[in-house]
Amino acid sequence: MDKIAADQAVLHYGDGEFAVLKPGRFVRCAVTDKPIPLEVLRYWSPSRQQPYFGPAEFIAAQQGEK
């Protein structure tokens, strides 16, 4: 396993908070695949269990389900 993959965290996304299941420094946006450092992660979907880089990516994911 390479160092970059080893730094990726696994989270459980709840309403207004997340729990770290596997420690790491970042998660990847479900829409763009950009890395999101945990300290700046603000957008996710508890029902989909997906993180988003920002509000535009969150909206794009919501619109994509229609």
PDB file of N, CA and C in Angstrom:
ATOM      1  N   MET A   1       0.849  -1.181   0.000  1.00  0.00           N
ATOM      2  CA  MET A   1       0.000   0.000   0.000  1.00  0.00           C
ATOM      3  C   MET A   1       0.893   1.242   0.000  1.00  0.00           C
ATOM      4  N   ASP A   2       0.568   2.222  -0.851  1.00  0.00           N
ATOM      5  CA  ASP A   2       1.407   3.416  -0.885  1.00  0.00           C
ATOM      6  C   ASP A   2       1.052   4.369   0.254  1.00  0.00           C
ATOM      7  N   LYS A   3       1.933   5.328   0.493  1.00  0.00           N
ATOM      8  CA  LYS A   3       1.788   6.269   1.620  1.00  0.00           C
ATOM      9  C   LYS A   3       0.542   7.120   1.489  1.00  0.00           C
ATOM     10  N   ILE A   4       0.202   7.551   0.265  1.00  0.00           N
ATOM     11  CA  ILE A   4      -0.970   8.393   0.058  1.00  0.00           C
ATOM     12  C   ILE A   4      -2.239   7.653   0.471  1.00  0.00           C
ATOM     13  N   ALA A   5      -2.407   6.431   0.018  1.00  0.00           N
ATOM     14  CA  ALA A   5      -3.593   5.645   0.372  1.00  0.00           C
ATOM     15  C   ALA A   5      -3.652   5.397   1.873  1.00  0.00           C
ATOM     16  N   ALA A   6      -2.500   5.246   2.508  1.00  0.00           N
ATOM     17  CA  ALA A   6      -2.463   4.990   3.942  1.00  0.00           C
ATOM     18  C   ALA A   6      -2.933   6.199   4.742  1.00  0.00           C
ATOM     19  N   ASP A   7      -2.830   7.399   4.184  1.00  0.00           N
ATOM     20  CA  ASP A   7      -3.243   8.615   4.882  1.00  0.00           C
ATOM     21  C   ASP A   7      -4.735   8.902   4.735  1.00  0.00           C
ATOM     22  N   GLN A   8      -5.444   8.114   3.933  1.00  0.00           N
ATOM     23  CA  GLN A   8      -6.870   8.346   3.721  1.00  0.00           C
ATOM     24  C   GLN A   8      -7.666   7.758   4.886  1.00  0.00           C
ATOM     25  N   ALA A   9      -8.524   8.576   5.470  1.00  0.00           N
ATOM     26  CA  ALA A   9      -9.341   8.164   6.604  1.00  0.00           C
ATOM     27  C   ALA A   9     -10.621   7.478   6.123  1.00  0.00           C
ATOM     28  N   VAL A  10     -11.221   6.720   7.011  1.00  0.00           N
ATOM     29  CA  VAL A  10     -12.553   6.155   6.786  1.00  0.00           C
ATOM     30  C   VAL A  10     -13.427   6.702   7.908  1.00  0.00           C
ATOM     31  N   LEU A  11     -14.544   7.318   7.519  1.00  0.00           N
ATOM     32  CA  LEU A  11     -15.417   7.979   8.485  1.00  0.00           C
ATOM     33  C   LEU A  11     -16.833   7.423   8.430  1.00  0.00           C
ATOM     34  N   HIS A  12     -17.563   7.599   9.531  1.00  0.00           N
ATOM     35  CA  HIS A  12     -19.004   7.380   9.543  1.00  0.00           C
ATOM     36  C   HIS A  12     -19.621   8.757   9.701  1.00  0.00           C
ATOM     37  N   TYR A  13     -20.477   9.147   8.751  1.00  0.00           N
ATOM     38  CA  TYR A  13     -21.044  10.495   8.727  1.00  0.00           C
ATOM     39  C   TYR A  13     -22.396  10.507   9.421  1.00  0.00           C
ATOM     40  N   GLY A  14     -22.512  11.350  10.433  1.00  0.00           N
ATOM     41  CA  GLY A  14     -23.763  11.506  11.160  1.00  0.00           C
ATOM     42  C   GLY A  14     -24.352  12.885  10.902  1.00  0.00           C
ATOM     43  N   ASP A  15     -25.391  13.223  11.647  1.00  0.00           N
ATOM     44  CA  ASP A  15     -26.023  14.536  11.524  1.00  0.00           C
ATOM     45  C   ASP A  15     -25.200  15.566  12.289  1.00  0.00           C
ATOM     46  N   GLY A  16     -24.419  16.346  11.569  1.00  0.00           N
ATOM     47  CA  GLY A  16     -23.626  17.407  12.175  1.00  0.00           C
ATOM     48  C   GLY A  16     -22.299  16.967  12.762  1.00  0.00           C
ATOM     49  N   GLU A  17     -21.956  15.688  12.649  1.00  0.00           N
ATOM     50  CA  GLU A  17     -20.678  15.211  13.155  1.00  0.00           C
ATOM     51  C   GLU A  17     -20.287  13.940  12.418  1.00  0.00           C
ATOM     52  N   PHE A  18     -19.025  13.593  12.528  1.00  0.00           N
ATOM     53  CA  PHE A  18     -18.573  12.333  11.939  1.00  0.00           C
ATOM     54  C   PHE A  18     -17.687  11.608  12.937  1.00  0.00           C
ATOM     55  N   ALA A  19     -17.632  10.292  12.796  1.00  0.00           N
ATOM     56  CA  ALA A  19     -16.789   9.455  13.642  1.00  0.00           C
ATOM     57  C   ALA A  19     -15.702   8.838  12.783  1.00  0.00           C
ATOM     58  N   VAL A  20     -14.502   8.824  13.304  1.00  0.00           N
ATOM     59  CA  VAL A  20     -13.358   8.259  12.588  1.00  0.00           C
ATOM     60  C   VAL A  20     -13.326   6.746  12.818  1.00  0.00           C
ATOM     61  N   LEU A  21     -13.484   5.973  11.746  1.00  0.00           N
ATOM     62  CA  LEU A  21     -13.412   4.517  11.816  1.00  0.00           C
ATOM     63  C   LEU A  21     -11.993   4.027  11.560  1.00  0.00           C
ATOM     64  N   LYS A  22     -11.281   4.727  10.661  1.00  0.00           N
ATOM     65  CA  LYS A  22      -9.880   4.426  10.374  1.00  0.00           C
ATOM     66  C   LYS A  22      -9.142   5.757  10.312  1.00  0.00           C
ATOM     67  N   PRO A  23      -8.178   5.980  11.186  1.00  0.00           N
ATOM     68  CA  PRO A  23      -7.469   7.266  11.208  1.00  0.00           C
ATOM     69  C   PRO A  23      -6.779   7.579   9.880  1.00  0.00           C
ATOM     70  N   GLY A  24      -6.742   8.847   9.557  1.00  0.00           N
ATOM     71  CA  GLY A  24      -6.069   9.331   8.370  1.00  0.00           C
ATOM     72  C   GLY A  24      -6.121  10.838   8.347  1.00  0.00           C
ATOM     73  N   ARG A  25      -5.551  11.421   7.313  1.00  0.00           N
ATOM     74  CA  ARG A  25      -5.492  12.888   7.231  1.00  0.00           C
ATOM     75  C   ARG A  25      -6.566  13.477   6.343  1.00  0.00           C
ATOM     76  N   PHE A  26      -7.154  12.662   5.457  1.00  0.00           N
ATOM     77  CA  PHE A  26      -8.124  13.204   4.511  1.00  0.00           C
ATOM     78  C   PHE A  26      -9.113  12.133   4.075  1.00  0.00           C
ATOM     79  N   VAL A  27     -10.193  12.607   3.426  1.00  0.00           N
ATOM     80  CA  VAL A  27     -11.133  11.740   2.710  1.00  0.00           C
ATOM     81  C   VAL A  27     -11.232  12.294   1.295  1.00  0.00           C
ATOM     82  N   ARG A  28     -11.825  11.545   0.394  1.00  0.00           N
ATOM     83  CA  ARG A  28     -11.962  12.010  -0.998  1.00  0.00           C
ATOM     84  C   ARG A  28     -13.402  12.395  -1.290  1.00  0.00           C
ATOM     85  N   CYS A  29     -13.555  13.527  -1.981  1.00  0.00           N
ATOM     86  CA  CYS A  29     -14.877  14.013  -2.373  1.00  0.00           C
ATOM     87  C   CYS A  29     -15.568  12.969  -3.246  1.00  0.00           C
ATOM     88  N   ALA A  30     -16.837  12.701  -2.954  1.00  0.00           N
ATOM     89  CA  ALA A  30     -17.607  11.700  -3.696  1.00  0.00           C
ATOM     90  C   ALA A  30     -17.879  12.140  -5.134  1.00  0.00           C
ATOM     91  N   VAL A  31     -17.815  13.437  -5.419  1.00  0.00           N
ATOM     92  CA  VAL A  31     -18.108  13.949  -6.756  1.00  0.00           C
ATOM     93  C   VAL A  31     -16.841  14.169  -7.573  1.00  0.00           C
ATOM     94  N   THR A  32     -15.841  14.825  -6.973  1.00  0.00           N
ATOM     95  CA  THR A  32     -14.643  15.223  -7.724  1.00  0.00           C
ATOM     96  C   THR A  32     -13.422  14.354  -7.451  1.00  0.00           C
ATOM     97  N   ASP A  33     -13.456  13.567  -6.411  1.00  0.00           N
ATOM     98  CA  ASP A  33     -12.338  12.734  -5.972  1.00  0.00           C
ATOM     99  C   ASP A  33     -11.166  13.556  -5.427  1.00  0.00           C
ATOM    100  N   LYS A  34     -11.381  14.862  -5.176  1.00  0.00           N
ATOM    101  CA  LYS A  34     -10.342  15.703  -4.573  1.00  0.00           C
ATOM    102  C   LYS A  34     -10.156  15.300  -3.115  1.00  0.00           C
ATOM    103  N   PRO A  35      -8.925  15.327  -2.623  1.00  0.00           N
ATOM    104  CA  PRO A  35      -8.727  15.059  -1.197  1.00  0.00           C
ATOM    105  C   PRO A  35      -9.252  16.225  -0.354  1.00  0.00           C
ATOM    106  N   ILE A  36      -9.891  15.895   0.763  1.00  0.00           N
ATOM    107  CA  ILE A  36     -10.419  16.892   1.695  1.00  0.00           C
ATOM    108  C   ILE A  36      -9.772  16.636   3.059  1.00  0.00           C
ATOM    109  N   PRO A  37      -8.903  17.533   3.523  1.00  0.00           N
ATOM    110  CA  PRO A  37      -8.330  17.352   4.858  1.00  0.00           C
ATOM    111  C   PRO A  37      -9.442  17.325   5.915  1.00  0.00           C
ATOM    112  N   LEU A  38      -9.328  16.455   6.887  1.00  0.00           N
ATOM    113  CA  LEU A  38     -10.389  16.320   7.886  1.00  0.00           C
ATOM    114  C   LEU A  38     -10.671  17.626   8.624  1.00  0.00           C
ATOM    115  N   GLU A  39      -9.644  18.438   8.823  1.00  0.00           N
ATOM    116  CA  GLU A  39      -9.856  19.683   9.567  1.00  0.00           C
ATOM    117  C   GLU A  39     -10.694  20.715   8.804  1.00  0.00           C
ATOM    118  N   VAL A  40     -10.891  20.528   7.497  1.00  0.00           N
ATOM    119  CA  VAL A  40     -11.736  21.461   6.727  1.00  0.00           C
ATOM    120  C   VAL A  40     -12.998  20.791   6.175  1.00  0.00           C
ATOM    121  N   LEU A  41     -13.226  19.540   6.503  1.00  0.00           N
ATOM    122  CA  LEU A  41     -14.417  18.825   6.033  1.00  0.00           C
ATOM    123  C   LEU A  41     -15.664  19.427   6.679  1.00  0.00           C
ATOM    124  N   ARG A  42     -16.579  19.950   5.864  1.00  0.00           N
ATOM    125  CA  ARG A  42     -17.803  20.576   6.367  1.00  0.00           C
ATOM    126  C   ARG A  42     -19.066  20.059   5.693  1.00  0.00           C
ATOM    127  N   TYR A  43     -18.926  19.363   4.573  1.00  0.00           N
ATOM    128  CA  TYR A  43     -20.096  18.938   3.800  1.00  0.00           C
ATOM    129  C   TYR A  43     -20.077  17.433   3.605  1.00  0.00           C
ATOM    130  N   TRP A  44     -21.176  16.781   3.994  1.00  0.00           N
ATOM    131  CA  TRP A  44     -21.327  15.338   3.783  1.00  0.00           C
ATOM    132  C   TRP A  44     -22.793  14.974   3.845  1.00  0.00           C
ATOM    133  N   SER A  45     -23.097  13.768   3.427  1.00  0.00           N
ATOM    134  CA  SER A  45     -24.463  13.247   3.461  1.00  0.00           C
ATOM    135  C   SER A  45     -24.504  12.032   4.389  1.00  0.00           C
ATOM    136  N   PRO A  46     -25.218  12.141   5.508  1.00  0.00           N
ATOM    137  CA  PRO A  46     -25.343  10.983   6.390  1.00  0.00           C
ATOM    138  C   PRO A  46     -26.090   9.817   5.730  1.00  0.00           C
ATOM    139  N   SER A  47     -27.086  10.115   4.913  1.00  0.00           N
ATOM    140  CA  SER A  47     -27.862   9.039   4.284  1.00  0.00           C
ATOM    141  C   SER A  47     -27.058   8.308   3.211  1.00  0.00           C
ATOM    142  N   ARG A  48     -26.204   9.022   2.495  1.00  0.00           N
ATOM    143  CA  ARG A  48     -25.364   8.405   1.455  1.00  0.00           C
ATOM    144  C   ARG A  48     -23.997   7.983   1.976  1.00  0.00           C
ATOM    145  N   GLN A  49     -23.623   8.478   3.148  1.00  0.00           N
ATOM    146  CA  GLN A  49     -22.293   8.236   3.715  1.00  0.00           C
ATOM    147  C   GLN A  49     -21.202   8.685   2.736  1.00  0.00           C
ATOM    148  N   GLN A  50     -21.357   9.939   2.245  1.00  0.00           N
ATOM    149  CA  GLN A  50     -20.408  10.498   1.276  1.00  0.00           C
ATOM    150  C   GLN A  50     -19.953  11.889   1.712  1.00  0.00           C
ATOM    151  N   PRO A  51     -18.655  12.197   1.564  1.00  0.00           N
ATOM    152  CA  PRO A  51     -18.148  13.545   1.817  1.00  0.00           C
ATOM    153  C   PRO A  51     -18.125  14.365   0.521  1.00  0.00           C
ATOM    154  N   TYR A  52     -18.199  15.684   0.674  1.00  0.00           N
ATOM    155  CA  TYR A  52     -18.167  16.599  -0.472  1.00  0.00           C
ATOM    156  C   TYR A  52     -17.180  17.722  -0.204  1.00  0.00           C
ATOM    157  N   PHE A  53     -16.477  18.146  -1.254  1.00  0.00           N
ATOM    158  CA  PHE A  53     -15.463  19.186  -1.139  1.00  0.00           C
ATOM    159  C   PHE A  53     -16.066  20.519  -0.700  1.00  0.00           C
ATOM    160  N   GLY A  54     -17.258  20.825  -1.168  1.00  0.00           N
ATOM    161  CA  GLY A  54     -17.908  22.086  -0.826  1.00  0.00           C
ATOM    162  C   GLY A  54     -19.377  22.039  -1.181  1.00  0.00           C
ATOM    163  N   PRO A  55     -20.060  23.187  -1.049  1.00  0.00           N
ATOM    164  CA  PRO A  55     -21.493  23.218  -1.313  1.00  0.00           C
ATOM    165  C   PRO A  55     -21.857  22.911  -2.771  1.00  0.00           C
ATOM    166  N   ALA A  56     -21.026  23.313  -3.713  1.00  0.00           N
ATOM    167  CA  ALA A  56     -21.317  23.044  -5.127  1.00  0.00           C
ATOM    168  C   ALA A  56     -21.319  21.541  -5.408  1.00  0.00           C
ATOM    169  N   GLU A  57     -20.381  20.836  -4.825  1.00  0.00           N
ATOM    170  CA  GLU A  57     -20.310  19.380  -5.016  1.00  0.00           C
ATOM    171  C   GLU A  57     -21.483  18.685  -4.324  1.00  0.00           C
ATOM    172  N   PHE A  58     -21.873  19.186  -3.166  1.00  0.00           N
ATOM    173  CA  PHE A  58     -23.047  18.631  -2.466  1.00  0.00           C
ATOM    174  C   PHE A  58     -24.297  18.791  -3.320  1.00  0.00           C
ATOM    175  N   ILE A  59     -24.481  19.989  -3.872  1.00  0.00           N
ATOM    176  CA  ILE A  59     -25.656  20.262  -4.716  1.00  0.00           C
ATOM    177  C   ILE A  59     -25.614  19.387  -5.971  1.00  0.00           C
ATOM    178  N   ALA A  60     -24.445  19.256  -6.591  1.00  0.00           N
ATOM    179  CA  ALA A  60     -24.311  18.415  -7.783  1.00  0.00           C
ATOM    180  C   ALA A  60     -24.697  16.977  -7.476  1.00  0.00           C
ATOM    181  N   ALA A  61     -24.311  16.470  -6.319  1.00  0.00           N
ATOM    182  CA  ALA A  61     -24.670  15.100  -5.940  1.00  0.00           C
ATOM    183  C   ALA A  61     -26.171  14.970  -5.729  1.00  0.00           C
ATOM    184  N   GLN A  62     -26.783  15.981  -5.122  1.00  0.00           N
ATOM    185  CA  GLN A  62     -28.226  15.947  -4.883  1.00  0.00           C
ATOM    186  C   GLN A  62     -28.995  16.009  -6.200  1.00  0.00           C
ATOM    187  N   GLN A  63     -28.541  16.823  -7.126  1.00  0.00           N
ATOM    188  CA  GLN A  63     -29.207  16.948  -8.420  1.00  0.00           C
ATOM    189  C   GLN A  63     -29.000  15.709  -9.268  1.00  0.00           C
ATOM    190  N   GLY A  64     -27.911  15.010  -9.062  1.00  0.00           N
ATOM    191  CA  GLY A  64     -27.617  13.802  -9.812  1.00  0.00           C
ATOM    192  C   GLY A  64     -28.513  12.626  -9.483  1.00  0.00           C
ATOM    193  N   GLU A  65     -29.203  12.685  -8.344  1.00  0.00           N
ATOM    194  CA  GLU A  65     -30.057  11.571  -7.938  1.00  0.00           C
ATOM    195  C   GLU A  65     -31.415  11.597  -8.596  1.00  0.00           C
ATOM    196  N   LYS A  66     -31.747  12.694  -9.256  1.00  0.00           N
ATOM    197  CA  LYS A  66     -33.069  12.810  -9.901  1.00  0.00           C
ATOM    198  C   LYS A  66     -33.118  12.120 -11.227  1.00  0.00           C
TER     199      LYS A  66
END
